[in-house]
C-alpha atoms as a PDB file:
ATOM      1  CA  MET A   1     149.154 133.471  73.831  1.00  0.00           C
ATOM      2  CA  ALA A   2     149.926 131.070  71.165  1.00  0.00           C
ATOM      3  CA  THR A   3     153.790 131.471  69.749  1.00  0.00           C
ATOM      4  CA  SER A   4     153.686 131.094  65.693  1.00  0.00           C
ATOM      5  CA  SER A   5     154.934 127.517  66.149  1.00  0.00           C
ATOM      6  CA  GLU A   6     152.305 126.616  68.100  1.00  0.00           C
ATOM      7  CA  ASP A   7     149.841 128.048  65.392  1.00  0.00           C
ATOM      8  CA  GLU A   8     151.488 126.250  62.933  1.00  0.00           C
ATOM      9  CA  ALA A   9     151.257 122.865  64.796  1.00  0.00           C
ATOM     10  CA  ASN A  10     147.665 123.478  65.617  1.00  0.00           C
ATOM     11  CA  HIS A  11     146.669 124.431  61.721  1.00  0.00           C
ATOM     12  CA  SER A  12     145.648 128.373  62.970  1.00  0.00           C
ATOM     13  CA  GLY A  13     143.110 129.499  60.939  1.00  0.00           C
ATOM     14  CA  VAL A  14     142.285 133.286  60.272  1.00  0.00           C
ATOM     15  CA  SER A  15     139.068 134.810  59.221  1.00  0.00           C
ATOM     16  CA  ALA A  16     138.837 138.647  59.116  1.00  0.00           C
ATOM     17  CA  GLU A  17     135.327 138.780  58.080  1.00  0.00           C
ATOM     18  CA  GLY A  18     133.829 135.555  59.322  1.00  0.00           C
ATOM     19  CA  ARG A  19     132.611 134.829  55.583  1.00  0.00           C
ATOM     20  CA  SER A  20     136.060 133.349  54.145  1.00  0.00           C
ATOM     21  CA  PHE A  21     139.557 131.764  56.259  1.00  0.00           C
ATOM     22  CA  ARG A  22     143.024 130.713  55.044  1.00  0.00           C
ATOM     23  CA  PHE A  23     145.462 129.005  57.115  1.00  0.00           C
ATOM     24  CA  GLU A  24     148.886 126.909  56.526  1.00  0.00           C
ATOM     25  CA  PHE A  25     149.649 122.912  56.665  1.00  0.00           C
ATOM     26  CA  SER A  26     152.472 120.393  56.210  1.00  0.00           C
ATOM     27  CA  PRO A  27     152.212 119.342  52.328  1.00  0.00           C
ATOM     28  CA  ASP A  28     151.953 115.660  53.909  1.00  0.00           C
ATOM     29  CA  GLU A  29     148.851 116.494  54.774  1.00  0.00           C
ATOM     30  CA  ALA A  30     145.083 116.521  53.141  1.00  0.00           C
ATOM     31  CA  PHE A  31     143.369 119.454  52.890  1.00  0.00           C
ATOM     32  CA  PRO A  32     142.261 119.260  48.997  1.00  0.00           C
ATOM     33  CA  PRO A  33     139.420 121.696  47.289  1.00  0.00           C
ATOM     34  CA  GLY A  34     136.155 120.657  48.167  1.00  0.00           C
ATOM     35  CA  SER A  35     137.249 119.318  51.620  1.00  0.00           C
ATOM     36  CA  PHE A  36     135.307 120.588  54.571  1.00  0.00           C
ATOM     37  CA  VAL A  37     137.246 122.050  58.175  1.00  0.00           C
ATOM     38  CA  THR A  38     136.222 123.640  61.324  1.00  0.00           C
ATOM     39  CA  PHE A  39     137.728 126.270  63.150  1.00  0.00           C
ATOM     40  CA  ARG A  40     137.684 125.933  67.043  1.00  0.00           C
ATOM     41  CA  GLN A  41     137.039 129.467  68.234  1.00  0.00           C
ATOM     42  CA  ALA A  42     136.183 128.787  71.634  1.00  0.00           C
ATOM     43  CA  PRO A  43     135.089 125.326  73.493  1.00  0.00           C
ATOM     44  CA  ASP A  44     131.357 125.964  72.870  1.00  0.00           C
ATOM     45  CA  ARG A  45     131.708 127.865  69.459  1.00  0.00           C
ATOM     46  CA  SER A  46     133.354 126.729  65.787  1.00  0.00           C
ATOM     47  CA  ALA A  47     132.585 127.136  62.304  1.00  0.00           C
ATOM     48  CA  LEU A  48     132.595 125.009  59.151  1.00  0.00           C
ATOM     49  CA  GLY A  49     134.239 125.737  56.153  1.00  0.00           C
ATOM     50  CA  GLN A  50     134.669 124.378  52.663  1.00  0.00           C
ATOM     51  CA  VAL A  51     138.494 124.534  51.115  1.00  0.00           C
ATOM     52  CA  GLU A  52     138.318 126.191  47.716  1.00  0.00           C
ATOM     53  CA  SER A  53     141.916 126.436  46.901  1.00  0.00           C
ATOM     54  CA  ASN A  54     145.519 125.380  47.947  1.00  0.00           C
ATOM     55  CA  SER A  55     148.843 127.410  47.123  1.00  0.00           C
ATOM     56  CA  GLU A  56     152.509 126.815  47.817  1.00  0.00           C
ATOM     57  CA  ARG A  57     154.067 128.720  50.709  1.00  0.00           C
ATOM     58  CA  PRO A  58     157.786 129.160  51.414  1.00  0.00           C
ATOM     59  CA  ALA A  59     159.614 126.852  53.980  1.00  0.00           C
ATOM     60  CA  GLY A  60     158.629 123.966  52.578  1.00  0.00           C
ATOM     61  CA  ARG A  61     154.333 124.721  53.489  1.00  0.00           C
ATOM     62  CA  ALA A  62     150.946 124.606  52.205  1.00  0.00           C
ATOM     63  CA  ALA A  63     148.164 126.989  52.107  1.00  0.00           C
ATOM     64  CA  ALA A  64     144.518 126.452  52.173  1.00  0.00           C
ATOM     65  CA  SER A  65     141.570 129.655  51.200  1.00  0.00           C
ATOM     66  CA  GLY A  66     137.845 128.674  51.407  1.00  0.00           C
ATOM     67  CA  ARG A  67     134.959 130.078  52.508  1.00  0.00           C
ATOM     68  CA  ILE A  68     132.913 130.102  55.922  1.00  0.00           C
ATOM     69  CA  LEU A  69     129.583 127.896  55.545  1.00  0.00           C
ATOM     70  CA  GLY A  70     128.418 128.975  59.129  1.00  0.00           C
ATOM     71  CA  VAL A  71     128.932 128.768  62.658  1.00  0.00           C
ATOM     72  CA  ILE A  72     128.001 126.145  64.955  1.00  0.00           C
ATOM     73  CA  ASP A  73     126.312 127.246  68.444  1.00  0.00           C
ATOM     74  CA  GLU A  74     126.837 125.615  72.168  1.00  0.00           C
ATOM     75  CA  GLY A  75     123.561 123.651  71.211  1.00  0.00           C
ATOM     76  CA  GLY A  76     124.987 122.201  68.379  1.00  0.00           C
ATOM     77  CA  ARG A  77     123.323 124.051  65.599  1.00  0.00           C
ATOM     78  CA  LEU A  78     124.372 125.260  62.799  1.00  0.00           C
ATOM     79  CA  ASP A  79     123.636 128.876  61.551  1.00  0.00           C
ATOM     80  CA  PRO A  80     124.554 129.028  58.052  1.00  0.00           C
ATOM     81  CA  LEU A  81     123.846 132.945  57.968  1.00  0.00           C
ATOM     82  CA  ALA A  82     125.869 134.197  60.971  1.00  0.00           C
ATOM     83  CA  SER A  83     129.556 135.009  60.567  1.00  0.00           C
ATOM     84  CA  SER A  84     132.306 135.126  63.408  1.00  0.00           C
ATOM     85  CA  PRO A  85     135.174 136.765  62.399  1.00  0.00           C
ATOM     86  CA  PHE A  86     138.601 135.245  64.310  1.00  0.00           C
ATOM     87  CA  ARG A  87     142.408 135.512  64.368  1.00  0.00           C
ATOM     88  CA  SER A  88     143.256 132.330  65.666  1.00  0.00           C
ATOM     89  CA  ALA A  89     141.053 129.306  65.261  1.00  0.00           C
ATOM     90  CA  GLU A  90     142.261 125.575  65.353  1.00  0.00           C
ATOM     91  CA  VAL A  91     141.598 123.931  61.864  1.00  0.00           C
ATOM     92  CA  ALA A  92     140.653 120.196  61.937  1.00  0.00           C
ATOM     93  CA  ALA A  93     139.072 117.981  58.838  1.00  0.00           C
ATOM     94  CA  ALA A  94     134.915 118.269  59.904  1.00  0.00           C
ATOM     95  CA  GLU A  95     133.742 114.790  61.003  1.00  0.00           C
ATOM     96  CA  GLU A  96     130.564 113.392  59.289  1.00  0.00           C
ATOM     97  CA  GLU A  97     128.227 114.707  61.894  1.00  0.00           C
ATOM     98  CA  THR A  98     129.406 117.755  61.240  1.00  0.00           C
ATOM     99  CA  ILE A  99     128.333 117.893  57.965  1.00  0.00           C
ATOM    100  CA  GLU A 100     125.059 116.412  58.491  1.00  0.00           C
ATOM    101  CA  LEU A 101     124.576 119.677  60.406  1.00  0.00           C
ATOM    102  CA  LEU A 102     125.128 121.900  57.605  1.00  0.00           C
ATOM    103  CA  HIS A 103     122.683 119.490  55.581  1.00  0.00           C
ATOM    104  CA  ARG A 104     120.002 119.717  57.869  1.00  0.00           C
ATOM    105  CA  ALA A 105     120.532 123.674  58.613  1.00  0.00           C
ATOM    106  CA  THR A 106     119.896 124.303  54.982  1.00  0.00           C
ATOM    107  CA  GLY A 107     117.677 121.781  53.931  1.00  0.00           C
ATOM    108  CA  ALA A 108     120.035 119.648  52.185  1.00  0.00           C
ATOM    109  CA  THR A 109     117.751 116.131  51.266  1.00  0.00           C
ATOM    110  CA  LEU A 110     117.919 115.092  47.972  1.00  0.00           C
ATOM    111  CA  GLU A 111     121.209 112.329  48.172  1.00  0.00           C
ATOM    112  CA  VAL A 112     122.654 111.785  45.240  1.00  0.00           C
ATOM    113  CA  GLY A 113     125.697 110.170  45.996  1.00  0.00           C
ATOM    114  CA  SER A 114     128.477 110.249  48.754  1.00  0.00           C
ATOM    115  CA  LEU A 115     131.675 113.257  48.978  1.00  0.00           C
ATOM    116  CA  THR A 116     135.019 111.998  47.599  1.00  0.00           C
ATOM    117  CA  THR A 117     136.499 113.653  50.425  1.00  0.00           C
ATOM    118  CA  ASN A 118     134.116 112.368  53.137  1.00  0.00           C
ATOM    119  CA  PRO A 119     133.051 109.426  51.466  1.00  0.00           C
ATOM    120  CA  ASP A 120     131.120 107.958  54.402  1.00  0.00           C
ATOM    121  CA  VAL A 121     129.045 111.333  53.995  1.00  0.00           C
ATOM    122  CA  PRO A 122     125.795 111.387  51.690  1.00  0.00           C
ATOM    123  CA  ALA A 123     126.130 114.122  49.054  1.00  0.00           C
ATOM    124  CA  ARG A 124     123.056 116.217  49.158  1.00  0.00           C
ATOM    125  CA  PRO A 125     121.982 119.016  46.885  1.00  0.00           C
ATOM    126  CA  LEU A 126     119.093 121.810  48.016  1.00  0.00           C
ATOM    127  CA  PRO A 127     116.227 120.579  46.303  1.00  0.00           C
ATOM    128  CA  HIS A 128     114.837 124.437  46.488  1.00  0.00           C
ATOM    129  CA  ARG A 129     118.131 125.208  44.449  1.00  0.00           C
ATOM    130  CA  PHE A 130     117.017 123.344  41.369  1.00  0.00           C
ATOM    131  CA  ASN A 131     114.243 126.271  40.988  1.00  0.00           C
ATOM    132  CA  ARG A 132     117.205 127.833  39.193  1.00  0.00           C
ATOM    133  CA  HIS A 133     118.637 126.756  35.244  1.00  0.00           C
ATOM    134  CA  THR A 134     121.186 123.900  35.794  1.00  0.00           C
ATOM    135  CA  PHE A 135     123.682 123.328  33.520  1.00  0.00           C
ATOM    136  CA  TRP A 136     125.048 119.441  33.608  1.00  0.00           C
ATOM    137  CA  CYS A 137     128.282 118.361  31.264  1.00  0.00           C
ATOM    138  CA  GLY A 138     130.501 115.460  31.269  1.00  0.00           C
ATOM    139  CA  GLN A 139     132.621 113.677  28.571  1.00  0.00           C
ATOM    140  CA  THR A 140     131.286 110.091  26.985  1.00  0.00           C
ATOM    141  CA  GLY A 141     131.704 107.688  29.777  1.00  0.00           C
ATOM    142  CA  SER A 142     131.608 109.663  32.794  1.00  0.00           C
ATOM    143  CA  GLY A 143     128.386 108.780  33.855  1.00  0.00           C
ATOM    144  CA  LYS A 144     126.584 111.582  33.519  1.00  0.00           C
ATOM    145  CA  THR A 145     123.500 109.949  32.410  1.00  0.00           C
ATOM    146  CA  TYR A 146     123.257 107.564  34.929  1.00  0.00           C
ATOM    147  CA  ALA A 147     123.757 110.472  37.741  1.00  0.00           C
ATOM    148  CA  LEU A 148     121.510 112.492  35.914  1.00  0.00           C
ATOM    149  CA  GLY A 149     119.226 110.012  35.955  1.00  0.00           C
ATOM    150  CA  VAL A 150     119.663 109.558  40.170  1.00  0.00           C
ATOM    151  CA  VAL A 151     119.086 112.995  40.406  1.00  0.00           C
ATOM    152  CA  LEU A 152     116.151 113.694  38.584  1.00  0.00           C
ATOM    153  CA  GLU A 153     114.186 110.669  40.211  1.00  0.00           C
ATOM    154  CA  GLN A 154     114.960 112.573  43.472  1.00  0.00           C
ATOM    155  CA  LEU A 155     113.436 115.272  42.166  1.00  0.00           C
ATOM    156  CA  LEU A 156     110.374 113.986  41.002  1.00  0.00           C
ATOM    157  CA  ALA A 157     109.879 111.925  44.497  1.00  0.00           C
ATOM    158  CA  HIS A 158     110.575 114.471  46.781  1.00  0.00           C
ATOM    159  CA  THR A 159     109.898 117.925  45.083  1.00  0.00           C
ATOM    160  CA  ASP A 160     106.915 119.338  42.620  1.00  0.00           C
ATOM    161  CA  LEU A 161     109.729 121.401  41.068  1.00  0.00           C
ATOM    162  CA  PRO A 162     108.264 122.192  37.370  1.00  0.00           C
ATOM    163  CA  LEU A 163     111.516 120.838  35.223  1.00  0.00           C
ATOM    164  CA  VAL A 164     112.345 121.321  31.550  1.00  0.00           C
ATOM    165  CA  ILE A 165     114.808 118.555  29.789  1.00  0.00           C
ATOM    166  CA  PHE A 166     116.779 119.306  26.354  1.00  0.00           C
ATOM    167  CA  ASP A 167     117.108 115.489  25.657  1.00  0.00           C
ATOM    168  CA  PRO A 168     118.062 115.070  21.737  1.00  0.00           C
ATOM    169  CA  ASN A 169     119.517 111.485  22.386  1.00  0.00           C
ATOM    170  CA  GLY A 170     116.499 110.321  24.051  1.00  0.00           C
ATOM    171  CA  ASP A 171     118.184 109.036  27.426  1.00  0.00           C
ATOM    172  CA  PHE A 172     115.016 109.796  29.356  1.00  0.00           C
ATOM    173  CA  VAL A 173     112.449 109.145  26.725  1.00  0.00           C
ATOM    174  CA  ARG A 174     109.064 109.825  29.361  1.00  0.00           C
ATOM    175  CA  LEU A 175     109.685 113.045  29.311  1.00  0.00           C
ATOM    176  CA  PRO A 176     108.122 115.310  26.898  1.00  0.00           C
ATOM    177  CA  ASP A 177     110.220 117.049  24.178  1.00  0.00           C
ATOM    178  CA  LEU A 178     111.111 120.474  23.833  1.00  0.00           C
ATOM    179  CA  ARG A 179     112.197 122.590  21.247  1.00  0.00           C
ATOM    180  CA  ALA A 180     115.994 123.542  20.637  1.00  0.00           C
ATOM    181  CA  ASP A 181     115.640 126.251  18.011  1.00  0.00           C
ATOM    182  CA  ALA A 182     115.071 128.926  20.206  1.00  0.00           C
ATOM    183  CA  PRO A 183     117.946 130.019  22.340  1.00  0.00           C
ATOM    184  CA  GLY A 184     116.452 133.132  23.579  1.00  0.00           C
ATOM    185  CA  GLU A 185     113.678 130.652  25.187  1.00  0.00           C
ATOM    186  CA  ALA A 186     115.966 130.239  28.805  1.00  0.00           C
ATOM    187  CA  ALA A 187     115.426 133.782  29.566  1.00  0.00           C
ATOM    188  CA  GLU A 188     111.672 133.421  29.242  1.00  0.00           C
ATOM    189  CA  ARG A 189     110.750 130.963  31.154  1.00  0.00           C
ATOM    190  CA  ARG A 190     112.124 132.247  34.207  1.00  0.00           C
ATOM    191  CA  LYS A 191     108.952 134.340  33.956  1.00  0.00           C
ATOM    192  CA  PHE A 192     106.799 131.205  34.063  1.00  0.00           C
ATOM    193  CA  GLY A 193     108.569 129.418  36.704  1.00  0.00           C
ATOM    194  CA  LEU A 194     110.012 126.904  34.372  1.00  0.00           C
ATOM    195  CA  TRP A 195     113.495 125.813  35.142  1.00  0.00           C
ATOM    196  CA  LEU A 196     116.168 124.002  32.319  1.00  0.00           C
ATOM    197  CA  LEU A 197     118.264 121.292  33.404  1.00  0.00           C
ATOM    198  CA  LEU A 198     120.772 120.753  30.318  1.00  0.00           C
ATOM    199  CA  SER A 199     122.938 117.744  30.112  1.00  0.00           C
ATOM    200  CA  THR A 200     125.584 118.027  27.356  1.00  0.00           C
ATOM    201  CA  GLN A 201     128.866 116.488  26.663  1.00  0.00           C
ATOM    202  CA  CYS A 202     129.830 119.063  24.445  1.00  0.00           C
ATOM    203  CA  PRO A 203     128.946 122.451  26.530  1.00  0.00           C
ATOM    204  CA  SER A 204     130.140 124.300  23.369  1.00  0.00           C
ATOM    205  CA  LYS A 205     127.360 123.193  21.101  1.00  0.00           C
ATOM    206  CA  VAL A 206     125.056 124.454  23.905  1.00  0.00           C
ATOM    207  CA  HIS A 207     123.844 128.262  22.651  1.00  0.00           C
ATOM    208  CA  PRO A 208     125.725 130.835  24.827  1.00  0.00           C
ATOM    209  CA  SER A 209     122.439 132.876  25.767  1.00  0.00           C
ATOM    210  CA  ILE A 210     121.272 129.360  27.364  1.00  0.00           C
ATOM    211  CA  ASN A 211     124.481 128.623  29.145  1.00  0.00           C
ATOM    212  CA  SER A 212     124.774 132.409  30.548  1.00  0.00           C
ATOM    213  CA  GLN A 213     120.852 131.879  32.291  1.00  0.00           C
ATOM    214  CA  CYS A 214     122.319 128.984  33.884  1.00  0.00           C
ATOM    215  CA  ASP A 215     123.011 129.592  37.935  1.00  0.00           C
ATOM    216  CA  ASN A 216     124.173 125.567  38.938  1.00  0.00           C
ATOM    217  CA  LEU A 217     126.553 123.628  37.137  1.00  0.00           C
ATOM    218  CA  ALA A 218     127.041 119.878  37.901  1.00  0.00           C
ATOM    219  CA  LEU A 219     130.497 119.488  36.097  1.00  0.00           C
ATOM    220  CA  MET A 220     131.536 115.540  35.670  1.00  0.00           C
ATOM    221  CA  LYS A 221     134.653 114.025  33.423  1.00  0.00           C
ATOM    222  CA  MET A 222     135.978 116.658  31.267  1.00  0.00           C
ATOM    223  CA  SER A 223     139.448 116.838  29.629  1.00  0.00           C
ATOM    224  CA  SER A 224     139.225 119.082  27.180  1.00  0.00           C
ATOM    225  CA  PRO A 225     141.212 122.481  28.433  1.00  0.00           C
ATOM    226  CA  LEU A 226     138.967 124.195  25.930  1.00  0.00           C
ATOM    227  CA  ASP A 227     135.674 123.139  27.802  1.00  0.00           C
ATOM    228  CA  LEU A 228     136.881 123.866  30.942  1.00  0.00           C
ATOM    229  CA  THR A 229     138.167 127.372  30.424  1.00  0.00           C
ATOM    230  CA  GLU A 230     135.219 128.363  28.705  1.00  0.00           C
ATOM    231  CA  LEU A 231     132.901 126.648  31.717  1.00  0.00           C
ATOM    232  CA  GLY A 232     135.228 128.436  33.860  1.00  0.00           C
ATOM    233  CA  ALA A 233     134.458 131.734  32.072  1.00  0.00           C
ATOM    234  CA  VAL A 234     130.689 130.952  32.141  1.00  0.00           C
ATOM    235  CA  PHE A 235     130.364 129.727  35.586  1.00  0.00           C
ATOM    236  CA  GLY A 236     132.829 132.192  37.720  1.00  0.00           C
ATOM    237  CA  PHE A 237     131.012 130.905  41.089  1.00  0.00           C
ATOM    238  CA  ALA A 238     132.759 127.337  40.912  1.00  0.00           C
ATOM    239  CA  PRO A 239     136.137 127.754  41.768  1.00  0.00           C
ATOM    240  CA  ALA A 240     139.137 126.996  39.452  1.00  0.00           C
ATOM    241  CA  ALA A 241     140.714 124.359  41.585  1.00  0.00           C
ATOM    242  CA  LEU A 242     137.520 122.471  42.103  1.00  0.00           C
ATOM    243  CA  LEU A 243     136.864 122.603  38.141  1.00  0.00           C
ATOM    244  CA  SER A 244     140.589 121.674  37.323  1.00  0.00           C
ATOM    245  CA  GLN A 245     139.887 118.533  38.831  1.00  0.00           C
ATOM    246  CA  SER A 246     137.425 117.516  36.118  1.00  0.00           C
ATOM    247  CA  PRO A 247     139.868 115.644  34.137  1.00  0.00           C
ATOM    248  CA  ALA A 248     141.053 113.394  37.053  1.00  0.00           C
ATOM    249  CA  SER A 249     138.088 111.357  37.497  1.00  0.00           C
ATOM    250  CA  ALA A 250     135.323 109.790  35.858  1.00  0.00           C
ATOM    251  CA  ARG A 251     132.832 109.954  38.254  1.00  0.00           C
ATOM    252  CA  VAL A 252     133.797 113.628  40.217  1.00  0.00           C
ATOM    253  CA  ARG A 253     131.665 116.738  39.914  1.00  0.00           C
ATOM    254  CA  PRO A 254     132.154 120.258  41.496  1.00  0.00           C
ATOM    255  CA  CYS A 255     128.590 120.597  42.886  1.00  0.00           C
ATOM    256  CA  SER A 256     127.524 123.507  45.136  1.00  0.00           C
ATOM    257  CA  PRO A 257     127.994 123.650  48.962  1.00  0.00           C
ATOM    258  CA  ALA A 258     124.991 123.281  50.680  1.00  0.00           C
ATOM    259  CA  GLY A 259     125.721 126.726  52.262  1.00  0.00           C
ATOM    260  CA  SER A 260     124.650 128.637  48.821  1.00  0.00           C
ATOM    261  CA  CYS A 261     123.783 125.736  46.624  1.00  0.00           C
ATOM    262  CA  ARG A 262     125.472 125.792  43.948  1.00  0.00           C
ATOM    263  CA  LEU A 263     127.312 122.544  45.104  1.00  0.00           C
ATOM    264  CA  ARG A 264     130.294 123.412  44.929  1.00  0.00           C
ATOM    265  CA  ALA A 265     131.439 120.031  46.906  1.00  0.00           C
ATOM    266  CA  LEU A 266     132.981 117.588  45.373  1.00  0.00           C
ATOM    267  CA  CYS A 267     130.185 114.154  44.853  1.00  0.00           C
ATOM    268  CA  ARG A 268     130.904 110.779  43.846  1.00  0.00           C
ATOM    269  CA  SER A 269     127.761 109.242  41.971  1.00  0.00           C
ATOM    270  CA  GLU A 270     127.109 106.238  42.898  1.00  0.00           C
ATOM    271  CA  THR A 271     126.616 103.710  40.265  1.00  0.00           C
ATOM    272  CA  GLY A 272     126.008 100.290  41.395  1.00  0.00           C
END
């Protein structure tokens, strides 16, 4: 049986119920929120997880916690619905091939950029999860319009989803105009299979009854603490540690991980 010191050297992870995890690591190592990690439970079995938060621990240690995205079987296939609790599993940064297993298993096919934590790995949202209202925001100069254009292009090319987009600045002039004077429309459109994709640089100006109907959040650079606090309150599924990274980069957004696809992975838009 491994000793405590051996567990720390191997970054031993713990998952009591097979859906969330925690492990400790040295502060000079990098397991930032949004990064993918693997938990080796046996030679032929492991789990894939995503870090959602970091915290300080005694004796100069740091701790990471997050959720399990799936279990990899002996055939090298990832099952996003499986769970496998473990008391001690060896932790390592996930390789590109392992993250791609998640994309294949969940049908994440839309390529919109690359992961900030794994620059060589494409960021791939789930196309079918865009059949939910989506809120897309970022301050001026964050690359919001370009990145949104990439997503719309991918949706038009690879899906048959009906989309309605509020476009008060005329950035996408070929798309039909939509009345913005009826805040209650968001809930009503669900009945008819129409889904809104809202893009703004000022979240507070969007009616609260519309924000509350959105199941997806794409957040680019946002430096206003007031706006970030409001977004955190409305979109409770977005981990606070990911939201807090928004002011640091002009082209980084917390997206939903391919597992539940509210895109919580950190993505970098390709701007050429």
